[in-house]
C-alpha atoms as a PDB file:
ATOM      1  CA  MET A   1    -110.388 133.259 -97.710  1.00  0.00           C
ATOM      2  CA  SER A   2    -109.956 131.185 -94.750  1.00  0.00           C
ATOM      3  CA  ASP A   3    -112.165 131.505 -91.816  1.00  0.00           C
ATOM      4  CA  LYS A   4    -109.685 129.915 -89.537  1.00  0.00           C
ATOM      5  CA  LYS A   5    -108.344 132.061 -86.591  1.00  0.00           C
ATOM      6  CA  LEU A   6    -104.605 132.713 -87.208  1.00  0.00           C
ATOM      7  CA  ILE A   7    -102.014 132.137 -84.677  1.00  0.00           C
ATOM      8  CA  ALA A   8     -98.717 133.832 -84.866  1.00  0.00           C
ATOM      9  CA  VAL A   9     -95.835 131.772 -83.347  1.00  0.00           C
ATOM     10  CA  VAL A  10     -92.577 133.232 -82.387  1.00  0.00           C
ATOM     11  CA  GLY A  11     -89.505 130.920 -82.282  1.00  0.00           C
ATOM     12  CA  ALA A  12     -91.291 128.597 -84.774  1.00  0.00           C
ATOM     13  CA  THR A  13     -88.072 126.502 -85.410  1.00  0.00           C
ATOM     14  CA  GLY A  14     -87.469 126.225 -81.757  1.00  0.00           C
ATOM     15  CA  SER A  15     -88.601 123.582 -79.198  1.00  0.00           C
ATOM     16  CA  GLN A  16     -91.575 125.521 -77.907  1.00  0.00           C
ATOM     17  CA  GLY A  17     -92.799 127.439 -80.839  1.00  0.00           C
ATOM     18  CA  GLY A  18     -92.186 124.396 -83.107  1.00  0.00           C
ATOM     19  CA  GLY A  19     -94.247 122.292 -80.980  1.00  0.00           C
ATOM     20  CA  LEU A  20     -97.141 124.623 -81.316  1.00  0.00           C
ATOM     21  CA  VAL A  21     -96.870 125.082 -85.021  1.00  0.00           C
ATOM     22  CA  ARG A  22     -96.840 121.198 -85.364  1.00  0.00           C
ATOM     23  CA  ALA A  23     -99.717 120.797 -83.023  1.00  0.00           C
ATOM     24  CA  ILE A  24    -101.927 123.419 -85.019  1.00  0.00           C
ATOM     25  CA  LEU A  25    -101.103 121.627 -88.325  1.00  0.00           C
ATOM     26  CA  ALA A  26    -102.071 118.301 -86.852  1.00  0.00           C
ATOM     27  CA  ASP A  27    -104.970 119.380 -84.948  1.00  0.00           C
ATOM     28  CA  ALA A  28    -108.100 117.345 -86.091  1.00  0.00           C
ATOM     29  CA  GLY A  29    -110.496 120.285 -85.480  1.00  0.00           C
ATOM     30  CA  GLN A  30    -108.515 122.614 -87.856  1.00  0.00           C
ATOM     31  CA  GLU A  31    -109.708 125.640 -85.918  1.00  0.00           C
ATOM     32  CA  PHE A  32    -106.568 127.536 -86.437  1.00  0.00           C
ATOM     33  CA  ALA A  33    -104.333 128.481 -89.247  1.00  0.00           C
ATOM     34  CA  VAL A  34    -100.465 129.117 -88.304  1.00  0.00           C
ATOM     35  CA  ARG A  35     -97.990 131.683 -89.078  1.00  0.00           C
ATOM     36  CA  ALA A  36     -94.322 130.710 -88.145  1.00  0.00           C
ATOM     37  CA  LEU A  37     -92.186 133.516 -87.380  1.00  0.00           C
ATOM     38  CA  THR A  38     -88.401 132.961 -87.657  1.00  0.00           C
ATOM     39  CA  ARG A  39     -85.344 134.847 -88.179  1.00  0.00           C
ATOM     40  CA  ASN A  40     -84.360 132.722 -91.163  1.00  0.00           C
ATOM     41  CA  PRO A  41     -87.155 131.624 -93.408  1.00  0.00           C
ATOM     42  CA  GLU A  42     -84.498 129.822 -95.460  1.00  0.00           C
ATOM     43  CA  SER A  43     -83.348 127.437 -92.713  1.00  0.00           C
ATOM     44  CA  ALA A  44     -84.038 123.812 -93.034  1.00  0.00           C
ATOM     45  CA  GLY A  45     -86.366 123.909 -90.032  1.00  0.00           C
ATOM     46  CA  ALA A  46     -88.461 126.807 -91.515  1.00  0.00           C
ATOM     47  CA  LYS A  47     -88.614 125.146 -94.973  1.00  0.00           C
ATOM     48  CA  GLU A  48     -90.021 121.876 -93.207  1.00  0.00           C
ATOM     49  CA  LEU A  49     -92.650 124.023 -91.462  1.00  0.00           C
ATOM     50  CA  ALA A  50     -93.608 125.527 -94.889  1.00  0.00           C
ATOM     51  CA  ALA A  51     -93.811 122.248 -96.606  1.00  0.00           C
ATOM     52  CA  ALA A  52     -96.107 120.921 -93.733  1.00  0.00           C
ATOM     53  CA  GLY A  53     -98.503 123.886 -94.470  1.00  0.00           C
ATOM     54  CA  ALA A  54     -97.442 126.732 -92.287  1.00  0.00           C
ATOM     55  CA  GLU A  55     -97.170 130.225 -93.484  1.00  0.00           C
ATOM     56  CA  VAL A  56     -93.531 131.187 -92.735  1.00  0.00           C
ATOM     57  CA  VAL A  57     -92.382 134.868 -92.347  1.00  0.00           C
ATOM     58  CA  ALA A  58     -89.262 136.601 -91.208  1.00  0.00           C
ATOM     59  CA  ALA A  59     -89.500 138.377 -87.946  1.00  0.00           C
ATOM     60  CA  ASP A  60     -86.963 139.160 -85.334  1.00  0.00           C
ATOM     61  CA  LEU A  61     -87.739 140.017 -81.727  1.00  0.00           C
ATOM     62  CA  ASP A  62     -84.982 142.702 -81.714  1.00  0.00           C
ATOM     63  CA  ASP A  63     -86.761 144.444 -84.656  1.00  0.00           C
ATOM     64  CA  GLU A  64     -90.198 145.419 -83.249  1.00  0.00           C
ATOM     65  CA  ALA A  65     -91.478 146.547 -86.859  1.00  0.00           C
ATOM     66  CA  SER A  66     -90.945 143.076 -88.074  1.00  0.00           C
ATOM     67  CA  VAL A  67     -92.929 141.488 -85.269  1.00  0.00           C
ATOM     68  CA  ARG A  68     -95.568 143.997 -85.627  1.00  0.00           C
ATOM     69  CA  LYS A  69     -95.979 143.218 -89.242  1.00  0.00           C
ATOM     70  CA  ALA A  70     -95.983 139.521 -88.486  1.00  0.00           C
ATOM     71  CA  PHE A  71     -98.715 139.925 -86.010  1.00  0.00           C
ATOM     72  CA  ASP A  72    -100.792 141.818 -88.408  1.00  0.00           C
ATOM     73  CA  GLY A  73    -104.326 139.923 -88.858  1.00  0.00           C
ATOM     74  CA  ALA A  74    -103.486 137.503 -86.089  1.00  0.00           C
ATOM     75  CA  TYR A  75    -106.087 136.486 -83.487  1.00  0.00           C
ATOM     76  CA  GLY A  76    -103.598 134.960 -81.233  1.00  0.00           C
ATOM     77  CA  ALA A  77     -99.803 134.947 -80.595  1.00  0.00           C
ATOM     78  CA  PHE A  78     -97.382 132.799 -78.866  1.00  0.00           C
ATOM     79  CA  VAL A  79     -94.283 134.768 -77.543  1.00  0.00           C
ATOM     80  CA  VAL A  80     -91.141 132.958 -76.288  1.00  0.00           C
ATOM     81  CA  THR A  81     -87.586 134.355 -75.972  1.00  0.00           C
ATOM     82  CA  ASN A  82     -84.481 132.386 -75.962  1.00  0.00           C
ATOM     83  CA  TYR A  83     -82.146 133.162 -73.207  1.00  0.00           C
ATOM     84  CA  TRP A  84     -79.720 130.641 -74.425  1.00  0.00           C
ATOM     85  CA  VAL A  85     -79.475 131.802 -78.021  1.00  0.00           C
ATOM     86  CA  GLN A  86     -75.847 131.660 -79.418  1.00  0.00           C
ATOM     87  CA  ARG A  87     -74.371 135.249 -79.404  1.00  0.00           C
ATOM     88  CA  THR A  88     -71.250 136.798 -80.763  1.00  0.00           C
ATOM     89  CA  PRO A  89     -68.746 138.355 -78.167  1.00  0.00           C
ATOM     90  CA  ALA A  90     -70.014 141.913 -79.419  1.00  0.00           C
ATOM     91  CA  GLU A  91     -73.689 141.061 -78.539  1.00  0.00           C
ATOM     92  CA  GLU A  92     -72.598 139.608 -75.146  1.00  0.00           C
ATOM     93  CA  ALA A  93     -70.835 142.861 -74.608  1.00  0.00           C
ATOM     94  CA  ALA A  94     -73.581 145.032 -75.689  1.00  0.00           C
ATOM     95  CA  ARG A  95     -76.249 143.854 -73.106  1.00  0.00           C
ATOM     96  CA  THR A  96     -76.917 140.938 -70.787  1.00  0.00           C
ATOM     97  CA  ARG A  97     -78.883 138.102 -71.788  1.00  0.00           C
ATOM     98  CA  ALA A  98     -81.476 139.069 -69.135  1.00  0.00           C
ATOM     99  CA  GLU A  99     -81.677 142.576 -70.771  1.00  0.00           C
ATOM    100  CA  MET A 100     -82.142 141.042 -74.114  1.00  0.00           C
ATOM    101  CA  GLU A 101     -85.033 139.056 -72.983  1.00  0.00           C
ATOM    102  CA  LEU A 102     -86.748 142.082 -71.262  1.00  0.00           C
ATOM    103  CA  GLU A 103     -86.218 144.197 -74.545  1.00  0.00           C
ATOM    104  CA  GLN A 104     -87.505 141.455 -76.745  1.00  0.00           C
ATOM    105  CA  ALA A 105     -90.500 140.884 -74.541  1.00  0.00           C
ATOM    106  CA  ALA A 106     -91.358 144.556 -74.476  1.00  0.00           C
ATOM    107  CA  ASN A 107     -91.048 144.770 -78.362  1.00  0.00           C
ATOM    108  CA  ALA A 108     -93.440 141.667 -78.738  1.00  0.00           C
ATOM    109  CA  ALA A 109     -96.110 143.182 -75.992  1.00  0.00           C
ATOM    110  CA  ARG A 110     -96.130 146.524 -78.036  1.00  0.00           C
ATOM    111  CA  ALA A 111     -96.366 144.741 -81.260  1.00  0.00           C
ATOM    112  CA  ALA A 112     -99.238 142.556 -79.979  1.00  0.00           C
ATOM    113  CA  LYS A 113    -101.097 145.669 -78.758  1.00  0.00           C
ATOM    114  CA  ASP A 114    -100.516 147.469 -81.718  1.00  0.00           C
ATOM    115  CA  ALA A 115    -101.696 144.758 -84.058  1.00  0.00           C
ATOM    116  CA  GLY A 116    -104.831 144.184 -81.997  1.00  0.00           C
ATOM    117  CA  VAL A 117    -103.878 140.651 -81.163  1.00  0.00           C
ATOM    118  CA  GLU A 118    -106.876 139.279 -79.060  1.00  0.00           C
ATOM    119  CA  HIS A 119    -104.916 136.535 -77.044  1.00  0.00           C
ATOM    120  CA  VAL A 120    -101.222 136.310 -76.371  1.00  0.00           C
ATOM    121  CA  ILE A 121     -99.728 133.313 -74.587  1.00  0.00           C
ATOM    122  CA  TRP A 122     -96.307 134.378 -72.973  1.00  0.00           C
ATOM    123  CA  SER A 123     -94.041 131.516 -72.124  1.00  0.00           C
ATOM    124  CA  THR A 124     -92.537 132.419 -68.845  1.00  0.00           C
ATOM    125  CA  LEU A 125     -90.786 131.274 -65.508  1.00  0.00           C
ATOM    126  CA  GLU A 126     -91.115 131.994 -61.914  1.00  0.00           C
ATOM    127  CA  ASP A 127     -89.041 135.125 -60.695  1.00  0.00           C
ATOM    128  CA  THR A 128     -86.932 133.441 -58.037  1.00  0.00           C
ATOM    129  CA  ARG A 129     -85.978 136.515 -56.018  1.00  0.00           C
ATOM    130  CA  PRO A 130     -88.970 136.694 -53.825  1.00  0.00           C
ATOM    131  CA  HIS A 131     -88.008 133.051 -52.705  1.00  0.00           C
ATOM    132  CA  PHE A 132     -84.344 133.725 -52.158  1.00  0.00           C
ATOM    133  CA  GLY A 133     -84.787 137.271 -50.602  1.00  0.00           C
ATOM    134  CA  GLU A 134     -82.308 139.944 -50.017  1.00  0.00           C
ATOM    135  CA  GLY A 135     -78.538 139.005 -49.093  1.00  0.00           C
ATOM    136  CA  ASP A 136     -76.067 136.473 -50.245  1.00  0.00           C
ATOM    137  CA  ARG A 137     -77.712 133.052 -49.180  1.00  0.00           C
ATOM    138  CA  VAL A 138     -77.040 132.298 -52.898  1.00  0.00           C
ATOM    139  CA  PRO A 139     -74.794 134.189 -55.244  1.00  0.00           C
ATOM    140  CA  SER A 140     -76.270 137.061 -57.162  1.00  0.00           C
ATOM    141  CA  LEU A 141     -75.577 137.549 -61.003  1.00  0.00           C
ATOM    142  CA  ASP A 142     -75.940 140.286 -63.457  1.00  0.00           C
ATOM    143  CA  ASP A 143     -74.301 143.067 -61.111  1.00  0.00           C
ATOM    144  CA  GLY A 144     -76.605 141.746 -58.355  1.00  0.00           C
ATOM    145  CA  ARG A 145     -79.857 142.053 -60.208  1.00  0.00           C
ATOM    146  CA  TYR A 146     -80.762 138.395 -60.353  1.00  0.00           C
ATOM    147  CA  LYS A 147     -80.393 135.001 -58.729  1.00  0.00           C
ATOM    148  CA  VAL A 148     -81.423 132.919 -61.833  1.00  0.00           C
ATOM    149  CA  PRO A 149     -81.401 135.384 -64.672  1.00  0.00           C
ATOM    150  CA  HIS A 150     -83.188 133.113 -67.160  1.00  0.00           C
ATOM    151  CA  PHE A 151     -85.979 132.751 -64.765  1.00  0.00           C
ATOM    152  CA  ASP A 152     -86.060 136.144 -63.105  1.00  0.00           C
ATOM    153  CA  ALA A 153     -85.947 138.206 -66.446  1.00  0.00           C
ATOM    154  CA  LYS A 154     -88.923 136.285 -67.707  1.00  0.00           C
ATOM    155  CA  GLY A 155     -90.896 136.648 -64.536  1.00  0.00           C
ATOM    156  CA  GLU A 156     -90.024 140.381 -64.558  1.00  0.00           C
ATOM    157  CA  ALA A 157     -91.106 140.549 -68.118  1.00  0.00           C
ATOM    158  CA  ASN A 158     -94.692 139.463 -67.072  1.00  0.00           C
ATOM    159  CA  GLU A 159     -95.473 142.988 -66.126  1.00  0.00           C
ATOM    160  CA  LEU A 160     -94.542 144.393 -69.544  1.00  0.00           C
ATOM    161  CA  PHE A 161     -97.640 142.636 -71.175  1.00  0.00           C
ATOM    162  CA  THR A 162     -99.793 143.855 -68.424  1.00  0.00           C
ATOM    163  CA  GLN A 163     -98.384 147.420 -68.715  1.00  0.00           C
ATOM    164  CA  TYR A 164     -99.273 147.411 -72.425  1.00  0.00           C
ATOM    165  CA  GLY A 165    -102.612 146.026 -71.945  1.00  0.00           C
ATOM    166  CA  VAL A 166    -102.175 142.988 -73.786  1.00  0.00           C
ATOM    167  CA  PRO A 167    -104.814 140.027 -73.080  1.00  0.00           C
ATOM    168  CA  THR A 168    -102.179 137.538 -71.894  1.00  0.00           C
ATOM    169  CA  THR A 169    -102.074 133.980 -70.426  1.00  0.00           C
ATOM    170  CA  PHE A 170     -98.909 133.522 -68.489  1.00  0.00           C
ATOM    171  CA  LEU A 171     -97.698 129.938 -69.337  1.00  0.00           C
ATOM    172  CA  GLN A 172     -95.133 128.928 -66.765  1.00  0.00           C
ATOM    173  CA  THR A 173     -93.061 126.117 -68.109  1.00  0.00           C
ATOM    174  CA  THR A 174     -90.442 123.944 -66.268  1.00  0.00           C
ATOM    175  CA  PHE A 175     -87.409 121.476 -66.675  1.00  0.00           C
ATOM    176  CA  TYR A 176     -87.349 119.729 -70.128  1.00  0.00           C
ATOM    177  CA  TYR A 177     -87.175 115.975 -70.268  1.00  0.00           C
ATOM    178  CA  ASP A 178     -85.057 116.672 -73.439  1.00  0.00           C
ATOM    179  CA  ALA A 179     -82.190 117.836 -71.096  1.00  0.00           C
ATOM    180  CA  PHE A 180     -81.479 114.025 -70.725  1.00  0.00           C
ATOM    181  CA  THR A 181     -80.541 113.871 -74.348  1.00  0.00           C
ATOM    182  CA  LEU A 182     -77.626 116.393 -73.878  1.00  0.00           C
ATOM    183  CA  GLY A 183     -75.094 113.829 -72.846  1.00  0.00           C
ATOM    184  CA  THR A 184     -74.765 115.226 -69.287  1.00  0.00           C
ATOM    185  CA  TRP A 185     -77.212 112.903 -67.287  1.00  0.00           C
ATOM    186  CA  PRO A 186     -76.849 109.976 -66.690  1.00  0.00           C
ATOM    187  CA  ALA A 187     -72.815 109.633 -66.831  1.00  0.00           C
ATOM    188  CA  ARG A 188     -70.485 106.936 -65.881  1.00  0.00           C
ATOM    189  CA  ASP A 189     -68.401 107.395 -62.696  1.00  0.00           C
ATOM    190  CA  ALA A 190     -64.817 106.293 -62.166  1.00  0.00           C
ATOM    191  CA  GLU A 191     -66.206 102.748 -61.316  1.00  0.00           C
ATOM    192  CA  GLY A 192     -68.125 102.629 -64.372  1.00  0.00           C
ATOM    193  CA  GLU A 193     -71.506 102.909 -62.919  1.00  0.00           C
ATOM    194  CA  LEU A 194     -74.192 104.873 -64.345  1.00  0.00           C
ATOM    195  CA  VAL A 195     -75.061 107.894 -62.073  1.00  0.00           C
ATOM    196  CA  LEU A 196     -77.636 110.707 -62.100  1.00  0.00           C
ATOM    197  CA  THR A 197     -76.011 113.522 -60.419  1.00  0.00           C
ATOM    198  CA  LEU A 198     -79.139 115.930 -60.674  1.00  0.00           C
ATOM    199  CA  PRO A 199     -78.686 118.272 -57.897  1.00  0.00           C
ATOM    200  CA  MET A 200     -82.189 118.116 -56.312  1.00  0.00           C
ATOM    201  CA  ASP A 201     -81.488 116.479 -53.010  1.00  0.00           C
ATOM    202  CA  SER A 202     -84.343 114.341 -52.290  1.00  0.00           C
ATOM    203  CA  GLU A 203     -87.153 116.785 -53.550  1.00  0.00           C
ATOM    204  CA  PRO A 204     -89.158 116.234 -56.695  1.00  0.00           C
ATOM    205  CA  LEU A 205     -88.511 118.197 -59.865  1.00  0.00           C
ATOM    206  CA  SER A 206     -91.386 118.886 -62.328  1.00  0.00           C
ATOM    207  CA  GLY A 207     -90.486 117.913 -65.855  1.00  0.00           C
ATOM    208  CA  ILE A 208     -92.161 117.994 -69.294  1.00  0.00           C
ATOM    209  CA  ALA A 209     -91.498 117.150 -72.746  1.00  0.00           C
ATOM    210  CA  ALA A 210     -90.585 120.183 -74.839  1.00  0.00           C
ATOM    211  CA  GLU A 211     -93.150 119.209 -77.431  1.00  0.00           C
ATOM    212  CA  ASP A 212     -96.023 119.208 -74.820  1.00  0.00           C
ATOM    213  CA  ILE A 213     -95.451 122.901 -74.181  1.00  0.00           C
ATOM    214  CA  GLY A 214     -96.927 123.981 -77.696  1.00  0.00           C
ATOM    215  CA  LYS A 215     -99.507 121.275 -77.455  1.00  0.00           C
ATOM    216  CA  THR A 216    -100.640 122.651 -74.051  1.00  0.00           C
ATOM    217  CA  ALA A 217    -100.578 126.237 -75.497  1.00  0.00           C
ATOM    218  CA  LEU A 218    -102.897 125.013 -78.238  1.00  0.00           C
ATOM    219  CA  GLY A 219    -105.190 123.680 -75.600  1.00  0.00           C
ATOM    220  CA  ILE A 220    -105.307 127.165 -73.971  1.00  0.00           C
ATOM    221  CA  PHE A 221    -105.981 128.845 -77.409  1.00  0.00           C
ATOM    222  CA  LYS A 222    -109.010 126.342 -77.916  1.00  0.00           C
ATOM    223  CA  ARG A 223    -110.544 127.578 -74.623  1.00  0.00           C
ATOM    224  CA  GLY A 224    -111.026 131.067 -75.963  1.00  0.00           C
ATOM    225  CA  THR A 225    -110.660 133.748 -73.274  1.00  0.00           C
ATOM    226  CA  GLU A 226    -111.023 131.627 -70.410  1.00  0.00           C
ATOM    227  CA  PHE A 227    -107.340 131.813 -69.381  1.00  0.00           C
ATOM    228  CA  VAL A 228    -106.805 135.360 -70.343  1.00  0.00           C
ATOM    229  CA  GLY A 229    -105.280 137.177 -67.488  1.00  0.00           C
ATOM    230  CA  ARG A 230    -104.389 134.066 -65.698  1.00  0.00           C
ATOM    231  CA  THR A 231    -101.200 132.013 -65.015  1.00  0.00           C
ATOM    232  CA  VAL A 232    -101.119 128.356 -66.141  1.00  0.00           C
ATOM    233  CA  SER A 233     -98.250 126.556 -64.780  1.00  0.00           C
ATOM    234  CA  ILE A 234     -97.423 123.252 -66.562  1.00  0.00           C
ATOM    235  CA  ALA A 235     -95.589 119.899 -66.179  1.00  0.00           C
ATOM    236  CA  GLY A 236     -95.908 116.395 -67.272  1.00  0.00           C
ATOM    237  CA  ASP A 237     -94.618 114.656 -64.239  1.00  0.00           C
ATOM    238  CA  HIS A 238     -93.165 115.440 -60.708  1.00  0.00           C
ATOM    239  CA  LEU A 239     -90.458 113.002 -59.752  1.00  0.00           C
ATOM    240  CA  THR A 240     -87.579 112.699 -57.334  1.00  0.00           C
ATOM    241  CA  GLY A 241     -84.002 112.140 -58.507  1.00  0.00           C
ATOM    242  CA  LYS A 242     -84.417 108.486 -57.373  1.00  0.00           C
ATOM    243  CA  GLU A 243     -87.520 108.197 -59.428  1.00  0.00           C
ATOM    244  CA  TYR A 244     -85.965 109.687 -62.446  1.00  0.00           C
ATOM    245  CA  ALA A 245     -83.096 107.288 -62.026  1.00  0.00           C
ATOM    246  CA  ALA A 246     -85.412 104.457 -61.771  1.00  0.00           C
ATOM    247  CA  ALA A 247     -87.240 105.363 -64.928  1.00  0.00           C
ATOM    248  CA  LEU A 248     -83.894 105.675 -66.751  1.00  0.00           C
ATOM    249  CA  SER A 249     -82.689 102.258 -65.440  1.00  0.00           C
ATOM    250  CA  GLU A 250     -85.863 100.694 -66.924  1.00  0.00           C
ATOM    251  CA  ALA A 251     -85.411 102.376 -70.222  1.00  0.00           C
ATOM    252  CA  LEU A 252     -81.878 101.841 -70.648  1.00  0.00           C
ATOM    253  CA  GLY A 253     -81.700  98.258 -69.343  1.00  0.00           C
ATOM    254  CA  GLU A 254     -78.803  99.173 -66.984  1.00  0.00           C
ATOM    255  CA  LYS A 255     -78.995 100.304 -63.405  1.00  0.00           C
ATOM    256  CA  VAL A 256     -78.778 104.184 -63.038  1.00  0.00           C
ATOM    257  CA  VAL A 257     -77.899 105.257 -59.451  1.00  0.00           C
ATOM    258  CA  TYR A 258     -79.095 108.549 -57.947  1.00  0.00           C
ATOM    259  CA  LYS A 259     -76.022 110.466 -56.414  1.00  0.00           C
ATOM    260  CA  PRO A 260     -76.791 114.153 -56.427  1.00  0.00           C
ATOM    261  CA  TYR A 261     -74.306 116.871 -56.350  1.00  0.00           C
ATOM    262  CA  THR A 262     -74.755 119.461 -53.744  1.00  0.00           C
ATOM    263  CA  TRP A 263     -75.639 123.075 -55.009  1.00  0.00           C
ATOM    264  CA  ASP A 264     -72.197 124.238 -53.668  1.00  0.00           C
ATOM    265  CA  GLU A 265     -70.483 121.424 -55.583  1.00  0.00           C
ATOM    266  CA  PHE A 266     -72.398 122.314 -58.794  1.00  0.00           C
ATOM    267  CA  ARG A 267     -71.436 126.000 -58.579  1.00  0.00           C
ATOM    268  CA  GLN A 268     -67.724 125.105 -58.452  1.00  0.00           C
ATOM    269  CA  PHE A 269     -67.857 123.392 -61.931  1.00  0.00           C
ATOM    270  CA  GLY A 270     -66.495 126.537 -63.677  1.00  0.00           C
ATOM    271  CA  PHE A 271     -68.510 126.364 -66.941  1.00  0.00           C
ATOM    272  CA  PRO A 272     -70.200 129.681 -67.604  1.00  0.00           C
ATOM    273  CA  SER A 273     -73.653 129.075 -66.442  1.00  0.00           C
ATOM    274  CA  ALA A 274     -72.725 126.801 -63.394  1.00  0.00           C
ATOM    275  CA  VAL A 275     -73.678 129.286 -60.674  1.00  0.00           C
ATOM    276  CA  GLU A 276     -76.865 130.256 -62.529  1.00  0.00           C
ATOM    277  CA  MET A 277     -77.758 126.512 -62.901  1.00  0.00           C
ATOM    278  CA  ALA A 278     -76.937 125.676 -59.360  1.00  0.00           C
ATOM    279  CA  ASN A 279     -79.200 128.551 -58.033  1.00  0.00           C
ATOM    280  CA  MET A 280     -81.943 127.240 -60.313  1.00  0.00           C
ATOM    281  CA  PHE A 281     -81.826 123.636 -58.727  1.00  0.00           C
ATOM    282  CA  GLN A 282     -81.663 125.084 -55.331  1.00  0.00           C
ATOM    283  CA  PHE A 283     -84.822 127.067 -56.083  1.00  0.00           C
ATOM    284  CA  TYR A 284     -86.423 124.052 -57.559  1.00  0.00           C
ATOM    285  CA  ALA A 285     -85.644 121.861 -54.521  1.00  0.00           C
ATOM    286  CA  GLU A 286     -86.337 124.505 -51.696  1.00  0.00           C
ATOM    287  CA  ASP A 287     -89.610 125.737 -53.453  1.00  0.00           C
ATOM    288  CA  SER A 288     -90.624 122.252 -54.410  1.00  0.00           C
ATOM    289  CA  ASP A 289     -93.982 122.018 -52.510  1.00  0.00           C
ATOM    290  CA  ARG A 290     -95.185 125.380 -54.070  1.00  0.00           C
ATOM    291  CA  PHE A 291     -93.725 124.690 -57.586  1.00  0.00           C
ATOM    292  CA  THR A 292     -94.951 121.220 -57.989  1.00  0.00           C
ATOM    293  CA  GLY A 293     -98.368 122.146 -56.282  1.00  0.00           C
ATOM    294  CA  ASP A 294     -98.863 125.055 -58.845  1.00  0.00           C
ATOM    295  CA  ARG A 295     -98.480 122.570 -61.600  1.00  0.00           C
ATOM    296  CA  ASP A 296    -101.885 120.713 -61.741  1.00  0.00           C
ATOM    297  CA  LEU A 297    -101.114 117.542 -64.012  1.00  0.00           C
ATOM    298  CA  ASP A 298    -104.957 116.946 -64.261  1.00  0.00           C
ATOM    299  CA  LEU A 299    -105.493 120.499 -65.628  1.00  0.00           C
ATOM    300  CA  VAL A 300    -102.426 120.088 -68.030  1.00  0.00           C
ATOM    301  CA  ARG A 301    -103.952 116.724 -69.245  1.00  0.00           C
ATOM    302  CA  GLU A 302    -107.185 118.295 -69.834  1.00  0.00           C
ATOM    303  CA  LEU A 303    -105.593 120.994 -72.015  1.00  0.00           C
ATOM    304  CA  ASN A 304    -103.312 118.417 -73.731  1.00  0.00           C
ATOM    305  CA  PRO A 305    -104.661 114.934 -73.738  1.00  0.00           C
ATOM    306  CA  GLU A 306    -101.406 113.706 -75.335  1.00  0.00           C
ATOM    307  CA  LEU A 307     -99.196 114.821 -72.294  1.00  0.00           C
ATOM    308  CA  LYS A 308     -96.420 112.658 -71.784  1.00  0.00           C
ATOM    309  CA  SER A 309     -95.130 111.355 -68.412  1.00  0.00           C
ATOM    310  CA  PHE A 310     -91.406 110.860 -68.135  1.00  0.00           C
ATOM    311  CA  ALA A 311     -91.921 107.162 -68.689  1.00  0.00           C
ATOM    312  CA  ASP A 312     -94.004 107.797 -71.786  1.00  0.00           C
ATOM    313  CA  TRP A 313     -91.183 110.195 -72.999  1.00  0.00           C
ATOM    314  CA  LEU A 314     -88.561 107.671 -72.545  1.00  0.00           C
ATOM    315  CA  LYS A 315     -90.504 104.995 -74.688  1.00  0.00           C
ATOM    316  CA  ASP A 316     -90.249 107.381 -77.632  1.00  0.00           C
ATOM    317  CA  ASN A 317     -86.808 108.851 -76.895  1.00  0.00           C
ATOM    318  CA  LYS A 318     -84.444 106.469 -75.041  1.00  0.00           C
ATOM    319  CA  GLN A 319     -82.400 106.139 -78.178  1.00  0.00           C
ATOM    320  CA  ARG A 320     -81.614 109.889 -77.927  1.00  0.00           C
ATOM    321  CA  ILE A 321     -79.823 109.242 -74.486  1.00  0.00           C
ATOM    322  CA  THR A 322     -76.173 108.540 -75.026  1.00  0.00           C
ATOM    323  CA  VAL A 323     -73.769 107.446 -72.352  1.00  0.00           C
ATOM    324  CA  SER A 324     -70.123 106.438 -72.720  1.00  0.00           C
END
């Protein structure tokens, strides 16, 4: 029987959970074994993890019993919810995405408590409502409950882990560098110039490689109970829009000009999450001093020596950035 401590990883085929599974499997110290939780163990991603050496089990955050079973015998657990998961029209009608995240977080917290998990890392984000305050300075969403639901619901869910007495590290993440691979930024304008329209005004935006979230979580687990009960806020770089554009110019071999949309312009685009995303970028910009200040890059590098700056990430991923 292995004497390695077992880490159960929710969302093991996703960006954050997958990064942690791969980090555990690749770790030279081999201190931990990993159990990969996924809704579909027959998926290609799950089969790849199994082939690499992970124990793969079926679990669904909407099924508390399945999560409780998957947490059985685990020393630690990494918990992340996916606000942006693809849903059917019936699922959209049944509950909001924020309600989904809160219910799933509660299920995970109760399951961890019942299973006796000694250390949970909960992947979370700031609640933006204290920053924006009361009123309609920015539009409210979800019947007035939230300003940025995918931030606020995670921040609200923090209390659930405390309420259920779960020994938890609250891992506050940030904007993924990987968003630059979605085909939105940069893009050509009417004159054919490559432009970056990231609506950050002149303020810096903290970013991180998605893979580094899992690697940093492993660094936290390696420190034992040191960060239990604490919030660890992470990033790989703090750059202004102009600095992101300059790095993209260097990597792509073509000048990228920073021409940010205003938040009101972004809200008018009409795609389903336009208002939410505009509110998010306004929060990032207006609260930038506090947000970037909480993300101590020296501490993150201590936890994850392989932490990538944006320039480092571009060296490995520039071929994934497509512009027309």
